[in-house]
Amino acid sequence: MDVKIDVTNIRLKTDRLILRPWTEDDLNDFYEYASVEGVGEMAGWRHHDSMETSQKVLQSFIVDKNVFAVVYKANGKVIGSVGLHESWADSIEEYSHLKIKEIGYALSKAYWGKGLMPEAVKKVAEFCFQQCGLDAVTVGHFSDNIQSKRVIEKCGFQFVKQREYYAAQLDKSFLCMNYILYR
């Protein structure tokens, strides 16, 4: 069962990161990483080809109130996002009684391989369980996205199933691997 989570006044901290709501001032940092080919495509969206595209997406983050900006403490830059979305498990009877959200994430290519995204995802999962009372969180990755698979494994998610996922922005179908983590 989908639960509304508003991150407007939430600020989470890890050793190296701050997860906080997006602001208009984040546009340049957002465009800097979202415009790099390969970043969005790993998550099912086309890399941004203009500041206007980034501005529209940034506005949706601010209005929808369900996506954290990931700030690297060492330099104060926004280097990624972690969102809380409707879960693939919501449509499966076995999970319909659970309060659940899907965690989705993207990270600047310049910061890949440093263990930052597992740090962020673990913190968001902890927030979901301890402060929001969720029963479980889910996540998924395209079968060829080995980086996301490693993040998911480091965070302790359990593989549930694979399914076909159509990414409308890319006009392409992917084999998606789906996982769950219980409170």
C-alpha atoms as a PDB file:
ATOM      1  CA  MET A   1       0.000   0.000   0.000  1.00  0.00           C
ATOM      2  CA  ASP A   2       1.457   3.293  -1.091  1.00  0.00           C
ATOM      3  CA  VAL A   3       2.107   5.834   1.658  1.00  0.00           C
ATOM      4  CA  LYS A   4       2.601   9.571   1.131  1.00  0.00           C
ATOM      5  CA  ILE A   5       5.959  10.781   2.425  1.00  0.00           C
ATOM      6  CA  ASP A   6       6.770  14.491   2.357  1.00  0.00           C
ATOM      7  CA  VAL A   7      10.502  15.270   2.617  1.00  0.00           C
ATOM      8  CA  THR A   8      10.007  19.056   2.721  1.00  0.00           C
ATOM      9  CA  ASN A   9      11.324  19.519   6.266  1.00  0.00           C
ATOM     10  CA  ILE A  10      13.564  16.465   6.454  1.00  0.00           C
ATOM     11  CA  ARG A  11      17.350  16.637   6.656  1.00  0.00           C
ATOM     12  CA  LEU A  12      19.305  13.388   6.967  1.00  0.00           C
ATOM     13  CA  LYS A  13      23.045  13.182   7.583  1.00  0.00           C
ATOM     14  CA  THR A  14      25.642  10.467   7.062  1.00  0.00           C
ATOM     15  CA  ASP A  15      29.411  10.629   7.475  1.00  0.00           C
ATOM     16  CA  ARG A  16      29.888  12.153   4.021  1.00  0.00           C
ATOM     17  CA  LEU A  17      26.445  13.259   2.864  1.00  0.00           C
ATOM     18  CA  ILE A  18      23.480  15.484   3.624  1.00  0.00           C
ATOM     19  CA  LEU A  19      20.115  14.445   2.195  1.00  0.00           C
ATOM     20  CA  ARG A  20      17.712  17.348   2.070  1.00  0.00           C
ATOM     21  CA  PRO A  21      14.849  18.780   0.002  1.00  0.00           C
ATOM     22  CA  TRP A  22      15.693  20.325  -3.368  1.00  0.00           C
ATOM     23  CA  THR A  23      15.752  24.106  -3.808  1.00  0.00           C
ATOM     24  CA  GLU A  24      15.855  26.411  -6.823  1.00  0.00           C
ATOM     25  CA  ASP A  25      19.520  27.101  -6.018  1.00  0.00           C
ATOM     26  CA  ASP A  26      20.389  23.484  -6.903  1.00  0.00           C
ATOM     27  CA  LEU A  27      19.743  23.946 -10.626  1.00  0.00           C
ATOM     28  CA  ASN A  28      23.377  24.297 -11.751  1.00  0.00           C
ATOM     29  CA  ASP A  29      24.593  21.287  -9.768  1.00  0.00           C
ATOM     30  CA  PHE A  30      21.612  19.238 -10.953  1.00  0.00           C
ATOM     31  CA  TYR A  31      22.203  20.085 -14.607  1.00  0.00           C
ATOM     32  CA  GLU A  32      25.930  19.396 -14.226  1.00  0.00           C
ATOM     33  CA  TYR A  33      25.364  15.729 -13.359  1.00  0.00           C
ATOM     34  CA  ALA A  34      22.022  15.104 -15.107  1.00  0.00           C
ATOM     35  CA  SER A  35      23.372  16.297 -18.465  1.00  0.00           C
ATOM     36  CA  VAL A  36      26.111  13.640 -18.552  1.00  0.00           C
ATOM     37  CA  GLU A  37      25.277  10.801 -20.914  1.00  0.00           C
ATOM     38  CA  GLY A  38      24.841   7.507 -19.074  1.00  0.00           C
ATOM     39  CA  VAL A  39      23.679   8.884 -15.725  1.00  0.00           C
ATOM     40  CA  GLY A  40      19.950   9.110 -16.470  1.00  0.00           C
ATOM     41  CA  GLU A  41      19.924   6.262 -18.936  1.00  0.00           C
ATOM     42  CA  MET A  42      20.918   3.879 -16.118  1.00  0.00           C
ATOM     43  CA  ALA A  43      17.662   4.872 -14.376  1.00  0.00           C
ATOM     44  CA  GLY A  44      15.347   5.036 -17.396  1.00  0.00           C
ATOM     45  CA  TRP A  45      15.474   8.731 -18.253  1.00  0.00           C
ATOM     46  CA  ARG A  46      17.283  10.623 -20.977  1.00  0.00           C
ATOM     47  CA  HIS A  47      20.217  12.780 -19.872  1.00  0.00           C
ATOM     48  CA  HIS A  48      19.253  16.447 -19.844  1.00  0.00           C
ATOM     49  CA  ASP A  49      20.000  18.352 -23.028  1.00  0.00           C
ATOM     50  CA  SER A  50      19.243  21.806 -21.606  1.00  0.00           C
ATOM     51  CA  MET A  51      18.957  23.799 -18.400  1.00  0.00           C
ATOM     52  CA  GLU A  52      15.231  24.099 -19.171  1.00  0.00           C
ATOM     53  CA  THR A  53      14.856  20.319 -18.933  1.00  0.00           C
ATOM     54  CA  SER A  54      16.677  20.287 -15.594  1.00  0.00           C
ATOM     55  CA  GLN A  55      14.535  23.211 -14.400  1.00  0.00           C
ATOM     56  CA  LYS A  56      11.309  21.301 -15.190  1.00  0.00           C
ATOM     57  CA  VAL A  57      12.486  18.166 -13.397  1.00  0.00           C
ATOM     58  CA  LEU A  58      13.770  20.213 -10.451  1.00  0.00           C
ATOM     59  CA  GLN A  59      10.345  21.865 -10.186  1.00  0.00           C
ATOM     60  CA  SER A  60       8.687  18.431 -10.067  1.00  0.00           C
ATOM     61  CA  PHE A  61      11.062  17.390  -7.241  1.00  0.00           C
ATOM     62  CA  ILE A  62      10.129  20.520  -5.290  1.00  0.00           C
ATOM     63  CA  VAL A  63       6.372  20.234  -5.935  1.00  0.00           C
ATOM     64  CA  ASP A  64       6.108  16.461  -5.408  1.00  0.00           C
ATOM     65  CA  LYS A  65       8.150  16.663  -2.173  1.00  0.00           C
ATOM     66  CA  ASN A  66       9.365  13.058  -2.478  1.00  0.00           C
ATOM     67  CA  VAL A  67      12.987  13.345  -3.667  1.00  0.00           C
ATOM     68  CA  PHE A  68      16.066  14.164  -1.613  1.00  0.00           C
ATOM     69  CA  ALA A  69      18.990  16.127  -3.002  1.00  0.00           C
ATOM     70  CA  VAL A  70      22.234  14.312  -2.150  1.00  0.00           C
ATOM     71  CA  VAL A  71      24.847  16.847  -1.026  1.00  0.00           C
ATOM     72  CA  TYR A  72      28.517  15.900  -0.702  1.00  0.00           C
ATOM     73  CA  LYS A  73      29.686  17.457   2.581  1.00  0.00           C
ATOM     74  CA  ALA A  74      33.293  17.895   1.426  1.00  0.00           C
ATOM     75  CA  ASN A  75      32.377  20.478  -1.235  1.00  0.00           C
ATOM     76  CA  GLY A  76      28.698  21.339  -0.644  1.00  0.00           C
ATOM     77  CA  LYS A  77      27.683  20.214  -4.147  1.00  0.00           C
ATOM     78  CA  VAL A  78      24.476  18.391  -5.005  1.00  0.00           C
ATOM     79  CA  ILE A  79      25.773  15.187  -6.591  1.00  0.00           C
ATOM     80  CA  GLY A  80      22.649  13.054  -6.866  1.00  0.00           C
ATOM     81  CA  SER A  81      19.115  12.267  -5.806  1.00  0.00           C
ATOM     82  CA  VAL A  82      17.237   9.661  -3.801  1.00  0.00           C
ATOM     83  CA  GLY A  83      13.485   9.522  -4.324  1.00  0.00           C
ATOM     84  CA  LEU A  84      10.600   7.760  -2.634  1.00  0.00           C
ATOM     85  CA  HIS A  85       8.113   6.539  -5.217  1.00  0.00           C
ATOM     86  CA  GLU A  86       5.220   4.180  -5.698  1.00  0.00           C
ATOM     87  CA  SER A  87       6.532   0.612  -5.513  1.00  0.00           C
ATOM     88  CA  TRP A  88       6.327  -2.179  -8.069  1.00  0.00           C
ATOM     89  CA  ALA A  89       5.106  -4.319  -5.124  1.00  0.00           C
ATOM     90  CA  ASP A  90       1.903  -2.268  -4.742  1.00  0.00           C
ATOM     91  CA  SER A  91       0.293  -4.199  -7.599  1.00  0.00           C
ATOM     92  CA  ILE A  92       1.150  -7.633  -6.173  1.00  0.00           C
ATOM     93  CA  GLU A  93      -1.364  -9.150  -3.760  1.00  0.00           C
ATOM     94  CA  GLU A  94       1.324 -10.735  -1.575  1.00  0.00           C
ATOM     95  CA  TYR A  95       2.611  -7.256  -0.655  1.00  0.00           C
ATOM     96  CA  SER A  96      -0.659  -5.265  -0.733  1.00  0.00           C
ATOM     97  CA  HIS A  97      -0.990  -5.150   3.063  1.00  0.00           C
ATOM     98  CA  LEU A  98       2.470  -3.596   3.529  1.00  0.00           C
ATOM     99  CA  LYS A  99       3.189   0.105   3.912  1.00  0.00           C
ATOM    100  CA  ILE A 100       5.852   0.393   1.257  1.00  0.00           C
ATOM    101  CA  LYS A 101       7.825   2.783  -0.971  1.00  0.00           C
ATOM    102  CA  GLU A 102      10.258   2.338  -3.852  1.00  0.00           C
ATOM    103  CA  ILE A 103      13.678   3.970  -3.535  1.00  0.00           C
ATOM    104  CA  GLY A 104      15.079   5.363  -6.766  1.00  0.00           C
ATOM    105  CA  TYR A 105      18.450   7.039  -7.092  1.00  0.00           C
ATOM    106  CA  ALA A 106      20.913   8.699  -9.442  1.00  0.00           C
ATOM    107  CA  LEU A 107      24.482   9.829  -8.808  1.00  0.00           C
ATOM    108  CA  SER A 108      26.918  12.055 -10.638  1.00  0.00           C
ATOM    109  CA  LYS A 109      29.324   9.963 -12.715  1.00  0.00           C
ATOM    110  CA  ALA A 110      32.218  11.836 -11.078  1.00  0.00           C
ATOM    111  CA  TYR A 111      31.281  10.202  -7.739  1.00  0.00           C
ATOM    112  CA  TRP A 112      30.672   6.604  -8.866  1.00  0.00           C
ATOM    113  CA  GLY A 113      32.632   3.881  -7.103  1.00  0.00           C
ATOM    114  CA  LYS A 114      33.136   5.711  -3.793  1.00  0.00           C
ATOM    115  CA  GLY A 115      30.404   3.956  -1.771  1.00  0.00           C
ATOM    116  CA  LEU A 116      28.311   7.139  -1.528  1.00  0.00           C
ATOM    117  CA  MET A 117      25.042   5.772  -2.878  1.00  0.00           C
ATOM    118  CA  PRO A 118      24.897   2.786  -0.484  1.00  0.00           C
ATOM    119  CA  GLU A 119      25.461   5.307   2.313  1.00  0.00           C
ATOM    120  CA  ALA A 120      22.541   7.424   1.072  1.00  0.00           C
ATOM    121  CA  VAL A 121      20.167   4.510   0.392  1.00  0.00           C
ATOM    122  CA  LYS A 122      20.811   2.952   3.819  1.00  0.00           C
ATOM    123  CA  LYS A 123      20.050   6.294   5.483  1.00  0.00           C
ATOM    124  CA  VAL A 124      16.822   6.767   3.508  1.00  0.00           C
ATOM    125  CA  ALA A 125      15.707   3.192   4.281  1.00  0.00           C
ATOM    126  CA  GLU A 126      16.406   3.821   7.979  1.00  0.00           C
ATOM    127  CA  PHE A 127      14.325   7.030   7.775  1.00  0.00           C
ATOM    128  CA  CYS A 128      11.479   5.123   6.087  1.00  0.00           C
ATOM    129  CA  PHE A 129      11.411   2.471   8.800  1.00  0.00           C
ATOM    130  CA  GLN A 130      12.098   4.546  11.906  1.00  0.00           C
ATOM    131  CA  GLN A 131      10.351   7.829  11.142  1.00  0.00           C
ATOM    132  CA  CYS A 132       7.707   6.891   8.576  1.00  0.00           C
ATOM    133  CA  GLY A 133       6.713   3.479   9.941  1.00  0.00           C
ATOM    134  CA  LEU A 134       7.054   1.643   6.632  1.00  0.00           C
ATOM    135  CA  ASP A 135       7.050  -2.149   6.614  1.00  0.00           C
ATOM    136  CA  ALA A 136       9.359  -2.452   3.605  1.00  0.00           C
ATOM    137  CA  VAL A 137      11.150  -0.564   0.861  1.00  0.00           C
ATOM    138  CA  THR A 138      11.751  -1.823  -2.646  1.00  0.00           C
ATOM    139  CA  VAL A 139      14.258  -1.026  -5.339  1.00  0.00           C
ATOM    140  CA  GLY A 140      15.061  -2.144  -8.842  1.00  0.00           C
ATOM    141  CA  HIS A 141      17.791  -1.991 -11.448  1.00  0.00           C
ATOM    142  CA  PHE A 142      18.106  -2.777 -15.129  1.00  0.00           C
ATOM    143  CA  SER A 143      19.821  -6.145 -15.591  1.00  0.00           C
ATOM    144  CA  ASP A 144      22.918  -4.575 -17.154  1.00  0.00           C
ATOM    145  CA  ASN A 145      23.322  -1.886 -14.466  1.00  0.00           C
ATOM    146  CA  ILE A 146      26.001  -3.563 -12.365  1.00  0.00           C
ATOM    147  CA  GLN A 147      26.688  -0.402 -10.301  1.00  0.00           C
ATOM    148  CA  SER A 148      23.090  -0.299  -9.025  1.00  0.00           C
ATOM    149  CA  LYS A 149      23.137  -4.027  -8.372  1.00  0.00           C
ATOM    150  CA  ARG A 150      26.176  -3.525  -6.117  1.00  0.00           C
ATOM    151  CA  VAL A 151      24.448  -0.671  -4.247  1.00  0.00           C
ATOM    152  CA  ILE A 152      21.393  -2.856  -3.664  1.00  0.00           C
ATOM    153  CA  GLU A 153      23.449  -5.810  -2.450  1.00  0.00           C
ATOM    154  CA  LYS A 154      25.487  -3.593  -0.069  1.00  0.00           C
ATOM    155  CA  CYS A 155      22.220  -2.334   1.433  1.00  0.00           C
ATOM    156  CA  GLY A 156      20.914  -5.832   2.187  1.00  0.00           C
ATOM    157  CA  PHE A 157      17.941  -5.987  -0.187  1.00  0.00           C
ATOM    158  CA  GLN A 158      16.626  -9.436  -1.151  1.00  0.00           C
ATOM    159  CA  PHE A 159      15.969 -10.333  -4.794  1.00  0.00           C
ATOM    160  CA  VAL A 160      12.272 -10.990  -5.493  1.00  0.00           C
ATOM    161  CA  LYS A 161      11.711 -11.172  -9.240  1.00  0.00           C
ATOM    162  CA  GLN A 162      12.574  -9.902 -12.662  1.00  0.00           C
ATOM    163  CA  ARG A 163      10.139  -8.203 -14.996  1.00  0.00           C
ATOM    164  CA  GLU A 164      10.054  -6.199 -18.159  1.00  0.00           C
ATOM    165  CA  TYR A 165      10.026  -2.434 -17.623  1.00  0.00           C
ATOM    166  CA  TYR A 166       9.209   0.081 -20.341  1.00  0.00           C
ATOM    167  CA  ALA A 167      11.123   3.361 -19.970  1.00  0.00           C
ATOM    168  CA  ALA A 168       8.922   5.834 -21.837  1.00  0.00           C
ATOM    169  CA  GLN A 169      11.559   8.593 -21.970  1.00  0.00           C
ATOM    170  CA  LEU A 170      13.978   6.219 -23.689  1.00  0.00           C
ATOM    171  CA  ASP A 171      11.256   4.418 -25.687  1.00  0.00           C
ATOM    172  CA  LYS A 172      12.903   1.156 -24.726  1.00  0.00           C
ATOM    173  CA  SER A 173      12.114  -1.924 -22.656  1.00  0.00           C
ATOM    174  CA  PHE A 174      14.536  -3.288 -20.095  1.00  0.00           C
ATOM    175  CA  LEU A 175      14.774  -6.420 -18.014  1.00  0.00           C
ATOM    176  CA  CYS A 176      14.407  -5.037 -14.485  1.00  0.00           C
ATOM    177  CA  MET A 177      15.510  -6.846 -11.330  1.00  0.00           C
ATOM    178  CA  ASN A 178      13.304  -6.112  -8.292  1.00  0.00           C
ATOM    179  CA  TYR A 179      14.302  -6.334  -4.617  1.00  0.00           C
ATOM    180  CA  ILE A 180      12.765  -5.760  -1.189  1.00  0.00           C
ATOM    181  CA  LEU A 181      14.079  -4.837   2.242  1.00  0.00           C
ATOM    182  CA  TYR A 182      11.865  -5.412   5.294  1.00  0.00           C
ATOM    183  CA  ARG A 183      11.936  -3.350   8.480  1.00  0.00           C
END
